[in-house]
Amino acid sequence: QGFYVTNNVKQAEEWASRKSRELKLSGTSERIEPVVIYFLLDSKKLEKLNGMEFSDANLSWGQFVLDCRLAGMEEQHFHQFDYVFGPLADGKLIPLLKRFKSGTIDNNTFIEGIVPISKVHHQLALNSNEACNCLELLEVKEIGC
């Protein structure tokens, strides 16, 4: 649960396109076009809030991702941070989570499987209104599917 932003424009475009296709397939009559929204982050304001930051994809980061996803599957919220910043997990998270839940893999295998391909792409989860208020809208760009 939260509002997620990333510095990985390619992933943002892929997510927008995928979600747009899913909504169109659901039969909605609304005009659904994928967009990427660009924001300016007031990091000084954000740092005054209660946050968690992971500098790299270590065991603590992996366990945190696992715990959050498991709680989310139960429609619960795992933590009380205003924001969480860290590496962007690789895109195999959902299949690995399903395998973990079914008992076919353990925590370590899950964590090893989500280790990011890139060390330069990060994700910021904004989990409170105060954290979301640290964003300033810059631009909305429609992208092709």
C-alpha atoms as a PDB file:
ATOM      1  CA  GLN A   1       0.000   0.000   0.000  1.00  0.00           C
ATOM      2  CA  GLY A   2       1.328   3.380  -0.947  1.00  0.00           C
ATOM      3  CA  PHE A   3       2.163   5.632  -3.854  1.00  0.00           C
ATOM      4  CA  TYR A   4       5.263   4.363  -5.609  1.00  0.00           C
ATOM      5  CA  VAL A   5       7.735   6.360  -7.677  1.00  0.00           C
ATOM      6  CA  THR A   6      10.944   5.261  -9.363  1.00  0.00           C
ATOM      7  CA  ASN A   7      13.871   6.718 -11.261  1.00  0.00           C
ATOM      8  CA  ASN A   8      13.515   3.890 -13.808  1.00  0.00           C
ATOM      9  CA  VAL A   9      11.539   5.503 -16.634  1.00  0.00           C
ATOM     10  CA  LYS A  10      11.497   2.273 -18.667  1.00  0.00           C
ATOM     11  CA  GLN A  11       9.810   0.383 -15.830  1.00  0.00           C
ATOM     12  CA  ALA A  12       7.304   3.209 -15.284  1.00  0.00           C
ATOM     13  CA  GLU A  13       6.403   3.081 -18.996  1.00  0.00           C
ATOM     14  CA  GLU A  14       6.057  -0.719 -18.925  1.00  0.00           C
ATOM     15  CA  TRP A  15       3.795  -0.592 -15.831  1.00  0.00           C
ATOM     16  CA  ALA A  16       1.622   2.136 -17.348  1.00  0.00           C
ATOM     17  CA  SER A  17       1.247   0.194 -20.601  1.00  0.00           C
ATOM     18  CA  ARG A  18       0.458  -3.061 -18.795  1.00  0.00           C
ATOM     19  CA  LYS A  19      -2.132  -1.472 -16.500  1.00  0.00           C
ATOM     20  CA  SER A  20      -3.723   0.309 -19.457  1.00  0.00           C
ATOM     21  CA  ARG A  21      -4.021  -2.982 -21.386  1.00  0.00           C
ATOM     22  CA  GLU A  22      -5.507  -4.721 -18.329  1.00  0.00           C
ATOM     23  CA  LEU A  23      -8.130  -1.999 -17.899  1.00  0.00           C
ATOM     24  CA  LYS A  24      -9.022  -2.070 -21.604  1.00  0.00           C
ATOM     25  CA  LEU A  25      -9.411  -5.865 -21.470  1.00  0.00           C
ATOM     26  CA  SER A  26     -11.715  -5.527 -18.465  1.00  0.00           C
ATOM     27  CA  GLY A  27     -14.286  -3.976 -20.783  1.00  0.00           C
ATOM     28  CA  THR A  28     -14.334  -0.444 -19.417  1.00  0.00           C
ATOM     29  CA  SER A  29     -15.919   2.137 -21.688  1.00  0.00           C
ATOM     30  CA  GLU A  30     -13.616   4.886 -20.427  1.00  0.00           C
ATOM     31  CA  ARG A  31     -10.703   6.179 -22.491  1.00  0.00           C
ATOM     32  CA  ILE A  32      -7.632   4.537 -20.987  1.00  0.00           C
ATOM     33  CA  GLU A  33      -4.241   5.760 -22.193  1.00  0.00           C
ATOM     34  CA  PRO A  34      -0.947   5.040 -20.421  1.00  0.00           C
ATOM     35  CA  VAL A  35       0.954   7.998 -18.984  1.00  0.00           C
ATOM     36  CA  VAL A  36       4.127   8.557 -16.997  1.00  0.00           C
ATOM     37  CA  ILE A  37       3.943  11.321 -14.433  1.00  0.00           C
ATOM     38  CA  TYR A  38       7.103  13.237 -13.560  1.00  0.00           C
ATOM     39  CA  PHE A  39       7.542  14.760 -10.112  1.00  0.00           C
ATOM     40  CA  LEU A  40      10.042  16.904  -8.275  1.00  0.00           C
ATOM     41  CA  LEU A  41      10.766  15.514  -4.796  1.00  0.00           C
ATOM     42  CA  ASP A  42      11.463  17.830  -1.869  1.00  0.00           C
ATOM     43  CA  SER A  43      13.969  15.516  -0.179  1.00  0.00           C
ATOM     44  CA  LYS A  44      14.643  17.906   2.722  1.00  0.00           C
ATOM     45  CA  LYS A  45      10.944  17.884   3.624  1.00  0.00           C
ATOM     46  CA  LEU A  46      10.766  14.093   3.184  1.00  0.00           C
ATOM     47  CA  GLU A  47      13.781  13.467   5.454  1.00  0.00           C
ATOM     48  CA  LYS A  48      11.932  15.118   8.349  1.00  0.00           C
ATOM     49  CA  LEU A  49       9.337  12.325   8.237  1.00  0.00           C
ATOM     50  CA  ASN A  50       9.509   8.808   9.655  1.00  0.00           C
ATOM     51  CA  GLY A  51      11.242   6.797   6.943  1.00  0.00           C
ATOM     52  CA  MET A  52      13.158   3.623   6.208  1.00  0.00           C
ATOM     53  CA  GLU A  53      15.997   3.609   3.707  1.00  0.00           C
ATOM     54  CA  PHE A  54      17.869   0.642   2.266  1.00  0.00           C
ATOM     55  CA  SER A  55      21.168   1.521   0.599  1.00  0.00           C
ATOM     56  CA  ASP A  56      21.513  -1.814  -1.144  1.00  0.00           C
ATOM     57  CA  ALA A  57      19.725  -5.087  -1.816  1.00  0.00           C
ATOM     58  CA  ASN A  58      20.894  -6.883   1.304  1.00  0.00           C
ATOM     59  CA  LEU A  59      19.197  -9.507   3.473  1.00  0.00           C
ATOM     60  CA  SER A  60      17.343  -6.862   5.554  1.00  0.00           C
ATOM     61  CA  TRP A  61      15.962  -5.267   2.380  1.00  0.00           C
ATOM     62  CA  GLY A  62      14.853  -8.633   0.990  1.00  0.00           C
ATOM     63  CA  GLN A  63      13.156  -9.659   4.217  1.00  0.00           C
ATOM     64  CA  PHE A  64      11.379  -6.283   4.390  1.00  0.00           C
ATOM     65  CA  VAL A  65      10.089  -6.719   0.810  1.00  0.00           C
ATOM     66  CA  LEU A  66       8.911 -10.246   1.624  1.00  0.00           C
ATOM     67  CA  ASP A  67       7.176  -9.181   4.848  1.00  0.00           C
ATOM     68  CA  CYS A  68       5.438  -6.262   3.101  1.00  0.00           C
ATOM     69  CA  ARG A  69       4.211  -8.446   0.249  1.00  0.00           C
ATOM     70  CA  LEU A  70       2.955 -11.167   2.582  1.00  0.00           C
ATOM     71  CA  ALA A  71       1.046  -8.588   4.654  1.00  0.00           C
ATOM     72  CA  GLY A  72      -0.305  -6.997   1.466  1.00  0.00           C
ATOM     73  CA  MET A  73      -1.722 -10.324   0.335  1.00  0.00           C
ATOM     74  CA  GLU A  74      -3.776 -10.265   3.530  1.00  0.00           C
ATOM     75  CA  GLU A  75      -4.764  -6.629   2.840  1.00  0.00           C
ATOM     76  CA  GLN A  76      -2.720  -5.497   5.823  1.00  0.00           C
ATOM     77  CA  HIS A  77       0.037  -2.930   6.132  1.00  0.00           C
ATOM     78  CA  PHE A  78       3.357  -4.265   7.429  1.00  0.00           C
ATOM     79  CA  HIS A  79       4.940  -1.020   8.676  1.00  0.00           C
ATOM     80  CA  GLN A  80       4.157   2.495   9.888  1.00  0.00           C
ATOM     81  CA  PHE A  81       6.794   4.436   7.921  1.00  0.00           C
ATOM     82  CA  ASP A  82       5.807   7.574   6.022  1.00  0.00           C
ATOM     83  CA  TYR A  83       8.160   6.480   3.261  1.00  0.00           C
ATOM     84  CA  VAL A  84      10.451   3.614   2.305  1.00  0.00           C
ATOM     85  CA  PHE A  85      13.341   4.061  -0.134  1.00  0.00           C
ATOM     86  CA  GLY A  86      15.500   1.334  -1.590  1.00  0.00           C
ATOM     87  CA  PRO A  87      16.573  -0.753  -4.556  1.00  0.00           C
ATOM     88  CA  LEU A  88      14.008  -1.587  -7.197  1.00  0.00           C
ATOM     89  CA  ALA A  89      13.317  -5.324  -7.022  1.00  0.00           C
ATOM     90  CA  ASP A  90      13.560  -7.173 -10.288  1.00  0.00           C
ATOM     91  CA  GLY A  91      10.262  -7.964 -12.004  1.00  0.00           C
ATOM     92  CA  LYS A  92      10.031 -11.609 -10.870  1.00  0.00           C
ATOM     93  CA  LEU A  93       8.583 -10.664  -7.483  1.00  0.00           C
ATOM     94  CA  ILE A  94       5.004 -11.934  -7.936  1.00  0.00           C
ATOM     95  CA  PRO A  95       5.890 -15.420  -9.280  1.00  0.00           C
ATOM     96  CA  LEU A  96       8.500 -15.820  -6.536  1.00  0.00           C
ATOM     97  CA  LEU A  97       6.008 -14.717  -3.895  1.00  0.00           C
ATOM     98  CA  LYS A  98       3.517 -17.329  -5.122  1.00  0.00           C
ATOM     99  CA  ARG A  99       6.212 -20.012  -4.938  1.00  0.00           C
ATOM    100  CA  PHE A 100       7.137 -18.890  -1.418  1.00  0.00           C
ATOM    101  CA  LYS A 101       3.491 -18.973  -0.276  1.00  0.00           C
ATOM    102  CA  SER A 102       3.085 -22.474  -1.725  1.00  0.00           C
ATOM    103  CA  GLY A 103       6.176 -23.654   0.167  1.00  0.00           C
ATOM    104  CA  THR A 104       8.231 -24.570  -2.909  1.00  0.00           C
ATOM    105  CA  ILE A 105      10.971 -22.040  -2.041  1.00  0.00           C
ATOM    106  CA  ASP A 106      12.316 -20.603   1.225  1.00  0.00           C
ATOM    107  CA  ASN A 107      13.002 -16.960   2.250  1.00  0.00           C
ATOM    108  CA  ASN A 108      16.605 -17.043   1.041  1.00  0.00           C
ATOM    109  CA  THR A 109      15.623 -18.295  -2.416  1.00  0.00           C
ATOM    110  CA  PHE A 110      12.926 -15.603  -2.597  1.00  0.00           C
ATOM    111  CA  ILE A 111      15.387 -12.874  -1.574  1.00  0.00           C
ATOM    112  CA  GLU A 112      18.062 -14.095  -3.997  1.00  0.00           C
ATOM    113  CA  GLY A 113      15.448 -14.128  -6.773  1.00  0.00           C
ATOM    114  CA  ILE A 114      14.413 -10.491  -6.345  1.00  0.00           C
ATOM    115  CA  VAL A 115      17.924  -9.015  -6.272  1.00  0.00           C
ATOM    116  CA  PRO A 116      17.899  -6.049  -8.674  1.00  0.00           C
ATOM    117  CA  ILE A 117      19.601  -6.264 -12.032  1.00  0.00           C
ATOM    118  CA  SER A 118      20.602  -2.595 -11.804  1.00  0.00           C
ATOM    119  CA  LYS A 119      22.199  -0.775  -8.894  1.00  0.00           C
ATOM    120  CA  VAL A 120      21.143   2.644 -10.211  1.00  0.00           C
ATOM    121  CA  HIS A 121      17.358   2.187 -10.157  1.00  0.00           C
ATOM    122  CA  HIS A 122      15.486   2.815  -6.947  1.00  0.00           C
ATOM    123  CA  GLN A 123      11.951   2.952  -5.679  1.00  0.00           C
ATOM    124  CA  LEU A 124      10.314   5.279  -3.200  1.00  0.00           C
ATOM    125  CA  ALA A 125       7.073   4.230  -1.540  1.00  0.00           C
ATOM    126  CA  LEU A 126       5.137   7.155  -0.107  1.00  0.00           C
ATOM    127  CA  ASN A 127       2.856   5.766   2.593  1.00  0.00           C
ATOM    128  CA  SER A 128       1.278   8.876   4.127  1.00  0.00           C
ATOM    129  CA  ASN A 129      -0.317  12.103   2.967  1.00  0.00           C
ATOM    130  CA  GLU A 130       2.632  13.994   4.478  1.00  0.00           C
ATOM    131  CA  ALA A 131       5.045  12.007   2.322  1.00  0.00           C
ATOM    132  CA  CYS A 132       2.926  12.508  -0.814  1.00  0.00           C
ATOM    133  CA  ASN A 133       2.950  16.249  -0.094  1.00  0.00           C
ATOM    134  CA  CYS A 134       6.723  16.188  -0.710  1.00  0.00           C
ATOM    135  CA  LEU A 135       6.023  15.752  -4.434  1.00  0.00           C
ATOM    136  CA  GLU A 136       5.464  18.550  -6.904  1.00  0.00           C
ATOM    137  CA  LEU A 137       3.890  17.650 -10.241  1.00  0.00           C
ATOM    138  CA  LEU A 138       6.148  18.540 -13.150  1.00  0.00           C
ATOM    139  CA  GLU A 139       4.745  16.864 -16.238  1.00  0.00           C
ATOM    140  CA  VAL A 140       2.420  14.166 -17.535  1.00  0.00           C
ATOM    141  CA  LYS A 141       3.555  12.356 -20.679  1.00  0.00           C
ATOM    142  CA  GLU A 142       1.276  10.054 -22.623  1.00  0.00           C
ATOM    143  CA  ILE A 143       3.164   7.041 -23.927  1.00  0.00           C
ATOM    144  CA  GLY A 144       2.348   4.618 -26.719  1.00  0.00           C
ATOM    145  CA  CYS A 145       1.270   1.081 -25.876  1.00  0.00           C
END
